[in-house]
Amino acid sequence: MTAIKNRPNDARLRSHPLLETPPRLIAAVQRFIRLRRDRLELDGLPDHILRDIGIDRSEIGSITIYRGRDYTRRNRP
């Protein structure tokens, strides 16, 4: 009769794939999630609130991408 040795599972020896993910990829995913959340929040606001903030509905995309600085804007009076 042969004895079975207790060996750790080979799958446990490998680290989790997310732990091996480069930090830049993680940062990109976090940025994507933040941009999506911000766009959804601004899209949900009524037009009069957006006017109070000082933006048009058409500017939401560029404002969220550039973290509040809309480089597509022209000088406004």
Protein backbone atom coordinates (compact mmCIF):
# COMPACT_ATOMS: atom_id res chain seq x y z
CA MET A 1 0.00 0.00 0.00
CA THR A 2 1.31 3.40 -0.92
CA ALA A 3 1.03 6.38 1.30
CA ILE A 4 -0.47 9.59 -0.04
CA LYS A 5 1.56 12.58 0.89
CA ASN A 6 -0.19 15.81 1.70
CA ARG A 7 0.86 18.20 -1.01
CA PRO A 8 -0.54 21.68 -1.42
CA ASN A 9 -2.79 22.13 -4.40
CA ASP A 10 -0.76 23.36 -7.36
CA ALA A 11 -3.43 25.96 -8.13
CA ARG A 12 -2.92 27.50 -4.71
CA LEU A 13 0.77 27.93 -5.38
CA ARG A 14 0.06 30.25 -8.29
CA SER A 15 -0.91 33.76 -7.35
CA HIS A 16 -4.22 35.25 -8.36
CA PRO A 17 -4.13 36.85 -11.85
CA LEU A 18 -5.36 40.18 -10.52
CA LEU A 19 -2.42 40.36 -8.16
CA GLU A 20 -0.08 40.06 -11.14
CA THR A 21 -1.86 42.81 -13.10
CA PRO A 22 0.33 45.83 -13.71
CA PRO A 23 -0.63 48.88 -11.65
CA ARG A 24 -1.16 50.95 -14.82
CA LEU A 25 -3.91 48.61 -15.97
CA ILE A 26 -5.60 48.80 -12.60
CA ALA A 27 -5.39 52.60 -12.69
CA ALA A 28 -6.91 52.63 -16.20
CA VAL A 29 -9.84 50.48 -15.07
CA GLN A 30 -10.39 52.70 -12.04
CA ARG A 31 -10.36 55.78 -14.28
CA PHE A 32 -12.87 54.20 -16.65
CA ILE A 33 -15.20 53.41 -13.74
CA ARG A 34 -14.89 56.95 -12.37
CA LEU A 35 -15.56 58.53 -15.78
CA ARG A 36 -18.61 56.36 -16.33
CA ARG A 37 -19.97 57.15 -12.87
CA ASP A 38 -19.42 60.89 -13.32
CA ARG A 39 -21.05 60.92 -16.76
CA LEU A 40 -24.08 59.03 -15.50
CA GLU A 41 -24.42 61.42 -12.57
CA LEU A 42 -24.19 64.53 -14.76
CA ASP A 43 -26.52 63.03 -17.38
CA GLY A 44 -29.11 62.54 -14.65
CA LEU A 45 -29.17 66.22 -13.72
CA PRO A 46 -31.83 68.50 -15.21
CA ASP A 47 -30.75 71.22 -17.64
CA HIS A 48 -31.34 74.10 -15.19
CA ILE A 49 -28.93 72.53 -12.68
CA LEU A 50 -26.30 72.07 -15.39
CA ARG A 51 -26.72 75.74 -16.34
CA ASP A 52 -26.20 76.68 -12.68
CA ILE A 53 -22.98 74.69 -12.70
CA GLY A 54 -21.98 76.45 -15.90
CA ILE A 55 -21.95 73.62 -18.41
CA ASP A 56 -24.09 72.48 -21.31
CA ARG A 57 -25.27 68.91 -21.72
CA SER A 58 -23.06 68.59 -24.81
CA GLU A 59 -19.95 69.33 -22.69
CA ILE A 60 -20.41 66.48 -20.20
CA GLY A 61 -18.13 64.08 -22.08
CA SER A 62 -15.16 66.41 -22.36
CA ILE A 63 -15.55 67.72 -18.82
CA THR A 64 -15.47 64.24 -17.32
CA ILE A 65 -12.50 63.15 -19.45
CA TYR A 66 -10.39 66.19 -18.54
CA ARG A 67 -11.37 66.21 -14.85
CA GLY A 68 -13.42 69.37 -14.91
CA ARG A 69 -11.37 71.32 -17.44
CA ASP A 70 -13.17 71.50 -20.76
CA TYR A 71 -10.56 72.26 -23.40
CA THR A 72 -13.22 72.36 -26.14
CA ARG A 73 -14.84 75.47 -24.67
CA ARG A 74 -14.51 78.86 -26.18
CA ASN A 75 -14.18 81.90 -23.97
CA ARG A 76 -17.56 82.83 -22.62
CA PRO A 77 -18.62 86.27 -21.48
